[in-house]
Amino acid sequence: MYATQALTHLVPLAAEELDKNKVTPGVLGFLVFAALAVGVWALMKSMNRHMGRVNFEEAPDPDAVAAEPADDKGKAASPGK
């Protein structure tokens, strides 16, 4: 006997007990929600660990460093405020 056949025999029995004005997610809905919450928590913890390992210090660009002194001299020599 297949599981689908067993369920089709139980559906009429459950339909008599089901109150159509009060439908709740039940234990299965809570377990699915709890599993999703634990999964999101684990992913956030992993992301924080990986972001902590990232080095955000960027080495200065050699072209930009060479160009800055020339720009500063030009600004200081021009008449201003």
C-alpha atoms as a PDB file:
ATOM      1  CA  MET A   1       0.000   0.000   0.000  1.00  0.00           C
ATOM      2  CA  TYR A   2       1.405   3.372  -0.986  1.00  0.00           C
ATOM      3  CA  ALA A   3       1.560   6.377   1.303  1.00  0.00           C
ATOM      4  CA  THR A   4      -0.687   8.397  -1.028  1.00  0.00           C
ATOM      5  CA  GLN A   5      -3.365   5.734  -0.826  1.00  0.00           C
ATOM      6  CA  ALA A   6      -3.153   5.746   2.966  1.00  0.00           C
ATOM      7  CA  LEU A   7      -3.488   9.523   3.030  1.00  0.00           C
ATOM      8  CA  THR A   8      -6.537   9.467   0.762  1.00  0.00           C
ATOM      9  CA  HIS A   9      -8.238   7.168   3.255  1.00  0.00           C
ATOM     10  CA  LEU A  10      -7.391   9.509   6.158  1.00  0.00           C
ATOM     11  CA  VAL A  11      -8.415  12.781   4.476  1.00  0.00           C
ATOM     12  CA  PRO A  12     -12.190  12.268   4.930  1.00  0.00           C
ATOM     13  CA  LEU A  13     -11.616  11.530   8.627  1.00  0.00           C
ATOM     14  CA  ALA A  14      -9.572  14.693   9.108  1.00  0.00           C
ATOM     15  CA  ALA A  15     -12.057  16.813   7.164  1.00  0.00           C
ATOM     16  CA  GLU A  16     -14.797  16.068   9.702  1.00  0.00           C
ATOM     17  CA  GLU A  17     -12.633  17.291  12.601  1.00  0.00           C
ATOM     18  CA  LEU A  18     -11.279  20.377  10.805  1.00  0.00           C
ATOM     19  CA  ASP A  19     -12.829  23.664  11.860  1.00  0.00           C
ATOM     20  CA  LYS A  20     -12.781  25.848   8.740  1.00  0.00           C
ATOM     21  CA  ASN A  21     -12.893  29.040  10.846  1.00  0.00           C
ATOM     22  CA  LYS A  22      -9.778  28.134  12.824  1.00  0.00           C
ATOM     23  CA  VAL A  23      -6.812  26.946  10.810  1.00  0.00           C
ATOM     24  CA  THR A  24      -3.337  27.141  12.367  1.00  0.00           C
ATOM     25  CA  PRO A  25       0.084  26.133  11.046  1.00  0.00           C
ATOM     26  CA  GLY A  26       0.527  23.652  13.876  1.00  0.00           C
ATOM     27  CA  VAL A  27       3.675  21.897  14.987  1.00  0.00           C
ATOM     28  CA  LEU A  28       4.983  21.355  11.461  1.00  0.00           C
ATOM     29  CA  GLY A  29       4.767  25.068  10.697  1.00  0.00           C
ATOM     30  CA  PHE A  30       6.606  25.879  13.916  1.00  0.00           C
ATOM     31  CA  LEU A  31       9.348  23.339  13.165  1.00  0.00           C
ATOM     32  CA  VAL A  32       9.852  24.707   9.639  1.00  0.00           C
ATOM     33  CA  PHE A  33      10.004  28.276  10.968  1.00  0.00           C
ATOM     34  CA  ALA A  34      12.453  27.255  13.715  1.00  0.00           C
ATOM     35  CA  ALA A  35      14.664  25.447  11.178  1.00  0.00           C
ATOM     36  CA  LEU A  36      14.715  28.536   8.966  1.00  0.00           C
ATOM     37  CA  ALA A  37      15.575  30.747  11.939  1.00  0.00           C
ATOM     38  CA  VAL A  38      18.457  28.469  12.971  1.00  0.00           C
ATOM     39  CA  GLY A  39      19.713  28.414   9.371  1.00  0.00           C
ATOM     40  CA  VAL A  40      19.656  32.217   9.108  1.00  0.00           C
ATOM     41  CA  TRP A  41      21.444  32.504  12.454  1.00  0.00           C
ATOM     42  CA  ALA A  42      24.173  30.083  11.288  1.00  0.00           C
ATOM     43  CA  LEU A  43      24.610  31.981   8.008  1.00  0.00           C
ATOM     44  CA  MET A  44      24.890  35.327   9.831  1.00  0.00           C
ATOM     45  CA  LYS A  45      27.471  33.905  12.228  1.00  0.00           C
ATOM     46  CA  SER A  46      29.492  32.502   9.321  1.00  0.00           C
ATOM     47  CA  MET A  47      29.266  35.812   7.424  1.00  0.00           C
ATOM     48  CA  ASN A  48      30.507  37.759  10.455  1.00  0.00           C
ATOM     49  CA  ARG A  49      33.441  35.365  10.832  1.00  0.00           C
ATOM     50  CA  HIS A  50      34.375  35.724   7.163  1.00  0.00           C
ATOM     51  CA  MET A  51      33.991  39.514   7.183  1.00  0.00           C
ATOM     52  CA  GLY A  52      36.299  39.672  10.219  1.00  0.00           C
ATOM     53  CA  ARG A  53      39.044  38.001   8.196  1.00  0.00           C
ATOM     54  CA  VAL A  54      38.863  40.524   5.364  1.00  0.00           C
ATOM     55  CA  ASN A  55      41.673  43.082   5.284  1.00  0.00           C
ATOM     56  CA  PHE A  56      40.266  46.442   4.212  1.00  0.00           C
ATOM     57  CA  GLU A  57      43.592  48.286   4.140  1.00  0.00           C
ATOM     58  CA  GLU A  58      44.243  49.144   0.541  1.00  0.00           C
ATOM     59  CA  ALA A  59      47.768  49.789  -0.698  1.00  0.00           C
ATOM     60  CA  PRO A  60      48.174  53.275  -2.173  1.00  0.00           C
ATOM     61  CA  ASP A  61      48.141  53.464  -5.933  1.00  0.00           C
ATOM     62  CA  PRO A  62      51.654  54.385  -7.162  1.00  0.00           C
ATOM     63  CA  ASP A  63      50.248  56.563  -9.965  1.00  0.00           C
ATOM     64  CA  ALA A  64      48.041  58.503  -7.541  1.00  0.00           C
ATOM     65  CA  VAL A  65      50.896  59.011  -5.060  1.00  0.00           C
ATOM     66  CA  ALA A  66      53.164  60.363  -7.821  1.00  0.00           C
ATOM     67  CA  ALA A  67      50.421  62.720  -9.073  1.00  0.00           C
ATOM     68  CA  GLU A  68      49.493  64.179  -5.638  1.00  0.00           C
ATOM     69  CA  PRO A  69      52.636  66.300  -5.000  1.00  0.00           C
ATOM     70  CA  ALA A  70      52.324  67.953  -8.413  1.00  0.00           C
ATOM     71  CA  ASP A  71      48.687  68.822  -7.695  1.00  0.00           C
ATOM     72  CA  ASP A  72      49.518  70.221  -4.255  1.00  0.00           C
ATOM     73  CA  LYS A  73      52.241  72.472  -5.643  1.00  0.00           C
ATOM     74  CA  GLY A  74      49.940  73.803  -8.308  1.00  0.00           C
ATOM     75  CA  LYS A  75      47.243  74.623  -5.787  1.00  0.00           C
ATOM     76  CA  ALA A  76      49.637  76.397  -3.424  1.00  0.00           C
ATOM     77  CA  ALA A  77      51.135  78.560  -6.187  1.00  0.00           C
ATOM     78  CA  SER A  78      47.799  79.777  -7.522  1.00  0.00           C
ATOM     79  CA  PRO A  79      46.322  82.891  -5.933  1.00  0.00           C
ATOM     80  CA  GLY A  80      43.384  82.055  -3.744  1.00  0.00           C
ATOM     81  CA  LYS A  81      41.531  83.187  -0.655  1.00  0.00           C
END
